[in-house]
Amino acid sequence: MHGVEEFDHVARTAEVIATKWTPQLLQQLGRAPLGFCDLERAIPGISPRTLTARLRGLEVAGIVQRGLAPRGTSAPYELTAMGVALLPIVAAMQAFGEEWQCAKPVAA
């Protein structure tokens, strides 16, 4: 029999990656560290305010960190080991969506 604790882990993981734009951010950062403006260009439709909020949340969660940059340039964002560990989950979500044609929003 499965305990409640097992489902708590699933729910906490979903809280992290199921917010709007977060899977796209993880995919982009999984390819290469990117600066704020590069992320903005790579994810059409995300507002600067939302991008800032998502990046801060992911930093607090330990999934994203600011990299080192030469003086006078913006430091890129990059995935931590925890962020890299989330990439297979995001890839599985994408594969499921492609296979099952989940392009339409789910009705509330």
N, C-alpha and C. Protein backbone atom coordinates (compact mmCIF):
# COMPACT_ATOMS: atom_id res chain seq x y z
N MET A 1 0.85 -1.19 0.00
CA MET A 1 0.00 0.00 0.00
C MET A 1 0.89 1.24 0.00
N HIS A 2 0.48 2.22 -0.75
CA HIS A 2 1.25 3.46 -0.86
C HIS A 2 0.81 4.44 0.21
N GLY A 3 1.80 5.11 0.80
CA GLY A 3 1.50 6.08 1.83
C GLY A 3 1.26 7.46 1.27
N VAL A 4 0.67 8.30 2.11
CA VAL A 4 0.40 9.69 1.73
C VAL A 4 1.69 10.41 1.40
N GLU A 5 2.76 10.07 2.11
CA GLU A 5 4.05 10.74 1.90
C GLU A 5 4.53 10.61 0.46
N GLU A 6 4.30 9.46 -0.16
CA GLU A 6 4.70 9.25 -1.55
C GLU A 6 4.01 10.26 -2.47
N PHE A 7 2.74 10.51 -2.23
CA PHE A 7 1.99 11.45 -3.07
C PHE A 7 2.38 12.89 -2.76
N ASP A 8 2.84 13.15 -1.54
CA ASP A 8 3.32 14.49 -1.21
C ASP A 8 4.51 14.87 -2.09
N HIS A 9 5.39 13.91 -2.36
CA HIS A 9 6.55 14.18 -3.21
C HIS A 9 6.11 14.52 -4.63
N VAL A 10 5.11 13.82 -5.13
CA VAL A 10 4.58 14.10 -6.46
C VAL A 10 3.96 15.50 -6.48
N ALA A 11 3.18 15.81 -5.48
CA ALA A 11 2.52 17.12 -5.42
C ALA A 11 3.55 18.25 -5.32
N ARG A 12 4.59 18.06 -4.52
CA ARG A 12 5.61 19.11 -4.39
C ARG A 12 6.39 19.30 -5.68
N THR A 13 6.67 18.21 -6.38
CA THR A 13 7.35 18.32 -7.67
C THR A 13 6.45 19.05 -8.67
N ALA A 14 5.18 18.71 -8.68
CA ALA A 14 4.24 19.37 -9.59
C ALA A 14 4.14 20.87 -9.28
N GLU A 15 4.18 21.24 -8.01
CA GLU A 15 4.14 22.66 -7.65
C GLU A 15 5.31 23.43 -8.26
N VAL A 16 6.44 22.77 -8.35
CA VAL A 16 7.64 23.43 -8.89
C VAL A 16 7.56 23.56 -10.40
N ILE A 17 7.22 22.50 -11.10
CA ILE A 17 7.32 22.53 -12.56
C ILE A 17 6.02 22.81 -13.28
N ALA A 18 4.90 22.82 -12.58
CA ALA A 18 3.62 22.96 -13.26
C ALA A 18 3.13 24.41 -13.35
N THR A 19 3.95 25.37 -13.00
CA THR A 19 3.54 26.76 -13.16
C THR A 19 3.77 27.18 -14.61
N LYS A 20 2.97 28.10 -15.07
CA LYS A 20 3.06 28.54 -16.46
C LYS A 20 4.46 29.05 -16.76
N TRP A 21 5.01 28.64 -17.87
CA TRP A 21 6.31 29.02 -18.41
C TRP A 21 7.49 28.26 -17.79
N THR A 22 7.31 27.60 -16.66
CA THR A 22 8.44 26.94 -16.02
C THR A 22 9.02 25.80 -16.87
N PRO A 23 8.20 24.92 -17.46
CA PRO A 23 8.79 23.89 -18.30
C PRO A 23 9.60 24.46 -19.47
N GLN A 24 9.10 25.55 -20.07
CA GLN A 24 9.83 26.17 -21.17
C GLN A 24 11.16 26.74 -20.69
N LEU A 25 11.16 27.35 -19.52
CA LEU A 25 12.40 27.88 -18.94
C LEU A 25 13.40 26.76 -18.70
N LEU A 26 12.93 25.66 -18.14
CA LEU A 26 13.82 24.53 -17.88
C LEU A 26 14.39 23.97 -19.18
N GLN A 27 13.55 23.87 -20.22
CA GLN A 27 14.03 23.38 -21.50
C GLN A 27 15.12 24.29 -22.06
N GLN A 28 14.88 25.58 -22.04
CA GLN A 28 15.85 26.52 -22.58
C GLN A 28 17.16 26.48 -21.81
N LEU A 29 17.07 26.47 -20.48
CA LEU A 29 18.28 26.45 -19.66
C LEU A 29 18.97 25.09 -19.71
N GLY A 30 18.23 24.05 -20.08
CA GLY A 30 18.83 22.73 -20.26
C GLY A 30 19.72 22.67 -21.49
N ARG A 31 19.49 23.58 -22.42
CA ARG A 31 20.31 23.62 -23.64
C ARG A 31 21.61 24.37 -23.40
N ALA A 32 21.51 25.47 -22.63
CA ALA A 32 22.70 26.30 -22.35
C ALA A 32 22.33 27.38 -21.35
N PRO A 33 23.30 27.85 -20.56
CA PRO A 33 23.04 29.00 -19.69
C PRO A 33 22.66 30.21 -20.56
N LEU A 34 21.67 30.97 -20.10
CA LEU A 34 21.19 32.12 -20.86
C LEU A 34 20.96 33.31 -19.96
N GLY A 35 21.17 34.47 -20.50
CA GLY A 35 20.87 35.71 -19.80
C GLY A 35 19.38 36.00 -19.86
N PHE A 36 18.96 36.99 -19.10
CA PHE A 36 17.56 37.36 -19.02
C PHE A 36 16.98 37.68 -20.40
N CYS A 37 17.64 38.54 -21.14
CA CYS A 37 17.14 38.95 -22.46
C CYS A 37 17.10 37.77 -23.43
N ASP A 38 18.07 36.89 -23.35
CA ASP A 38 18.07 35.70 -24.20
C ASP A 38 16.88 34.80 -23.87
N LEU A 39 16.57 34.66 -22.59
CA LEU A 39 15.41 33.87 -22.19
C LEU A 39 14.12 34.51 -22.68
N GLU A 40 14.05 35.82 -22.57
CA GLU A 40 12.87 36.55 -23.04
C GLU A 40 12.64 36.30 -24.54
N ARG A 41 13.70 36.33 -25.32
CA ARG A 41 13.60 36.09 -26.77
C ARG A 41 13.28 34.63 -27.07
N ALA A 42 13.79 33.72 -26.28
CA ALA A 42 13.62 32.29 -26.53
C ALA A 42 12.21 31.79 -26.18
N ILE A 43 11.50 32.56 -25.35
CA ILE A 43 10.17 32.14 -24.92
C ILE A 43 9.16 33.23 -25.30
N PRO A 44 8.69 33.21 -26.53
CA PRO A 44 7.74 34.25 -26.97
C PRO A 44 6.49 34.25 -26.11
N GLY A 45 6.08 35.44 -25.72
CA GLY A 45 4.84 35.59 -24.94
C GLY A 45 5.06 35.77 -23.45
N ILE A 46 6.23 35.44 -22.94
CA ILE A 46 6.47 35.61 -21.51
C ILE A 46 6.79 37.09 -21.24
N SER A 47 6.17 37.64 -20.23
CA SER A 47 6.43 39.04 -19.90
C SER A 47 7.67 39.14 -19.02
N PRO A 48 8.34 40.29 -19.04
CA PRO A 48 9.51 40.45 -18.18
C PRO A 48 9.18 40.24 -16.70
N ARG A 49 8.01 40.69 -16.30
CA ARG A 49 7.59 40.53 -14.90
C ARG A 49 7.44 39.05 -14.54
N THR A 50 6.80 38.29 -15.42
CA THR A 50 6.62 36.86 -15.16
C THR A 50 7.95 36.13 -15.21
N LEU A 51 8.80 36.48 -16.16
CA LEU A 51 10.11 35.85 -16.26
C LEU A 51 10.91 36.08 -14.98
N THR A 52 10.89 37.30 -14.49
CA THR A 52 11.58 37.62 -13.23
C THR A 52 11.03 36.78 -12.08
N ALA A 53 9.71 36.70 -11.99
CA ALA A 53 9.09 35.94 -10.90
C ALA A 53 9.44 34.46 -10.99
N ARG A 54 9.40 33.88 -12.19
CA ARG A 54 9.72 32.46 -12.33
C ARG A 54 11.19 32.19 -12.01
N LEU A 55 12.07 33.04 -12.50
CA LEU A 55 13.50 32.85 -12.22
C LEU A 55 13.78 32.96 -10.73
N ARG A 56 13.18 33.93 -10.06
CA ARG A 56 13.39 34.07 -8.61
C ARG A 56 12.87 32.85 -7.87
N GLY A 57 11.70 32.38 -8.25
CA GLY A 57 11.14 31.19 -7.61
C GLY A 57 12.01 29.96 -7.81
N LEU A 58 12.54 29.81 -9.02
CA LEU A 58 13.41 28.67 -9.29
C LEU A 58 14.75 28.80 -8.57
N GLU A 59 15.22 30.03 -8.39
CA GLU A 59 16.45 30.23 -7.61
C GLU A 59 16.22 29.86 -6.15
N VAL A 60 15.11 30.31 -5.58
CA VAL A 60 14.79 30.00 -4.18
C VAL A 60 14.65 28.49 -3.99
N ALA A 61 14.07 27.81 -4.98
CA ALA A 61 13.88 26.36 -4.90
C ALA A 61 15.18 25.58 -5.13
N GLY A 62 16.25 26.28 -5.56
CA GLY A 62 17.52 25.60 -5.79
C GLY A 62 17.62 24.93 -7.14
N ILE A 63 16.79 25.34 -8.10
CA ILE A 63 16.75 24.72 -9.42
C ILE A 63 17.57 25.50 -10.44
N VAL A 64 17.66 26.81 -10.23
CA VAL A 64 18.39 27.71 -11.13
C VAL A 64 19.34 28.54 -10.29
N GLN A 65 20.48 28.87 -10.87
CA GLN A 65 21.43 29.77 -10.20
C GLN A 65 21.99 30.74 -11.23
N ARG A 66 22.48 31.85 -10.74
CA ARG A 66 23.15 32.81 -11.62
C ARG A 66 24.58 32.36 -11.80
N GLY A 67 25.02 32.32 -13.03
CA GLY A 67 26.39 31.94 -13.33
C GLY A 67 27.32 33.12 -13.16
N LEU A 68 28.58 32.90 -13.44
CA LEU A 68 29.57 33.96 -13.39
C LEU A 68 29.65 34.63 -14.75
N ALA A 69 29.86 35.94 -14.72
CA ALA A 69 29.97 36.68 -15.97
C ALA A 69 31.11 37.69 -15.87
N PRO A 70 31.70 38.02 -17.00
CA PRO A 70 32.74 39.05 -16.98
C PRO A 70 32.18 40.37 -16.46
N ARG A 71 33.02 41.13 -15.86
CA ARG A 71 32.61 42.41 -15.29
C ARG A 71 31.93 43.27 -16.36
N GLY A 72 30.81 43.86 -15.98
CA GLY A 72 30.08 44.73 -16.89
C GLY A 72 29.06 44.01 -17.77
N THR A 73 28.95 42.69 -17.61
CA THR A 73 27.95 41.95 -18.39
C THR A 73 26.98 41.27 -17.43
N SER A 74 25.84 40.92 -17.95
CA SER A 74 24.81 40.26 -17.15
C SER A 74 25.16 38.79 -16.95
N ALA A 75 25.04 38.32 -15.73
CA ALA A 75 25.32 36.91 -15.44
C ALA A 75 24.21 36.03 -15.99
N PRO A 76 24.58 34.95 -16.67
CA PRO A 76 23.55 34.06 -17.22
C PRO A 76 22.93 33.19 -16.12
N TYR A 77 21.75 32.73 -16.39
CA TYR A 77 21.09 31.77 -15.51
C TYR A 77 21.45 30.38 -16.01
N GLU A 78 21.62 29.46 -15.05
CA GLU A 78 21.92 28.08 -15.42
C GLU A 78 21.25 27.14 -14.44
N LEU A 79 21.05 25.90 -14.88
CA LEU A 79 20.43 24.90 -14.02
C LEU A 79 21.43 24.37 -13.00
N THR A 80 20.95 24.10 -11.81
CA THR A 80 21.74 23.40 -10.81
C THR A 80 21.59 21.90 -11.08
N ALA A 81 22.21 21.08 -10.27
CA ALA A 81 22.06 19.62 -10.41
C ALA A 81 20.59 19.23 -10.26
N MET A 82 19.88 19.91 -9.37
CA MET A 82 18.46 19.62 -9.19
C MET A 82 17.67 19.98 -10.45
N GLY A 83 18.03 21.10 -11.06
CA GLY A 83 17.37 21.51 -12.29
C GLY A 83 17.62 20.53 -13.42
N VAL A 84 18.85 20.06 -13.54
CA VAL A 84 19.19 19.07 -14.56
C VAL A 84 18.40 17.79 -14.33
N ALA A 85 18.19 17.42 -13.08
CA ALA A 85 17.43 16.21 -12.76
C ALA A 85 15.96 16.32 -13.17
N LEU A 86 15.45 17.54 -13.32
CA LEU A 86 14.07 17.75 -13.75
C LEU A 86 13.90 17.63 -15.27
N LEU A 87 14.98 17.72 -16.02
CA LEU A 87 14.87 17.71 -17.48
C LEU A 87 14.20 16.46 -18.05
N PRO A 88 14.48 15.26 -17.54
CA PRO A 88 13.76 14.09 -18.07
C PRO A 88 12.24 14.16 -17.83
N ILE A 89 11.84 14.78 -16.74
CA ILE A 89 10.41 14.93 -16.47
C ILE A 89 9.78 15.86 -17.50
N VAL A 90 10.45 16.97 -17.77
CA VAL A 90 9.95 17.92 -18.77
C VAL A 90 9.93 17.26 -20.15
N ALA A 91 10.95 16.50 -20.47
CA ALA A 91 10.99 15.80 -21.76
C ALA A 91 9.85 14.79 -21.87
N ALA A 92 9.56 14.10 -20.77
CA ALA A 92 8.45 13.14 -20.77
C ALA A 92 7.11 13.86 -20.95
N MET A 93 6.97 15.03 -20.34
CA MET A 93 5.76 15.83 -20.52
C MET A 93 5.60 16.23 -21.99
N GLN A 94 6.70 16.64 -22.61
CA GLN A 94 6.65 17.03 -24.02
C GLN A 94 6.30 15.84 -24.90
N ALA A 95 6.92 14.70 -24.66
CA ALA A 95 6.64 13.50 -25.45
C ALA A 95 5.18 13.08 -25.30
N PHE A 96 4.65 13.14 -24.09
CA PHE A 96 3.25 12.80 -23.87
C PHE A 96 2.35 13.75 -24.64
N GLY A 97 2.64 15.05 -24.55
CA GLY A 97 1.83 16.04 -25.25
C GLY A 97 1.86 15.85 -26.76
N GLU A 98 3.03 15.52 -27.30
CA GLU A 98 3.15 15.29 -28.73
C GLU A 98 2.38 14.04 -29.16
N GLU A 99 2.53 12.96 -28.38
CA GLU A 99 1.87 11.70 -28.73
C GLU A 99 0.36 11.79 -28.61
N TRP A 100 -0.12 12.44 -27.59
CA TRP A 100 -1.54 12.47 -27.31
C TRP A 100 -2.20 13.79 -27.73
N GLN A 101 -1.47 14.62 -28.47
CA GLN A 101 -2.02 15.85 -29.02
C GLN A 101 -2.66 16.74 -27.95
N CYS A 102 -1.89 16.98 -26.91
CA CYS A 102 -2.39 17.78 -25.78
C CYS A 102 -2.13 19.27 -25.99
N ALA A 103 -2.41 19.77 -27.17
CA ALA A 103 -2.17 21.17 -27.46
C ALA A 103 -3.29 22.07 -26.95
N LYS A 104 -4.47 21.51 -26.74
CA LYS A 104 -5.60 22.31 -26.29
C LYS A 104 -5.57 22.44 -24.77
N PRO A 105 -5.93 23.63 -24.24
CA PRO A 105 -5.96 23.79 -22.78
C PRO A 105 -7.03 22.89 -22.16
N VAL A 106 -6.76 22.45 -20.96
CA VAL A 106 -7.70 21.62 -20.22
C VAL A 106 -8.80 22.51 -19.68
N ALA A 107 -10.06 22.10 -19.83
CA ALA A 107 -11.19 22.86 -19.31
C ALA A 107 -11.18 22.82 -17.80
N ALA A 108 -11.52 23.95 -17.19
CA ALA A 108 -11.53 24.04 -15.72
C ALA A 108 -12.73 23.38 -15.12
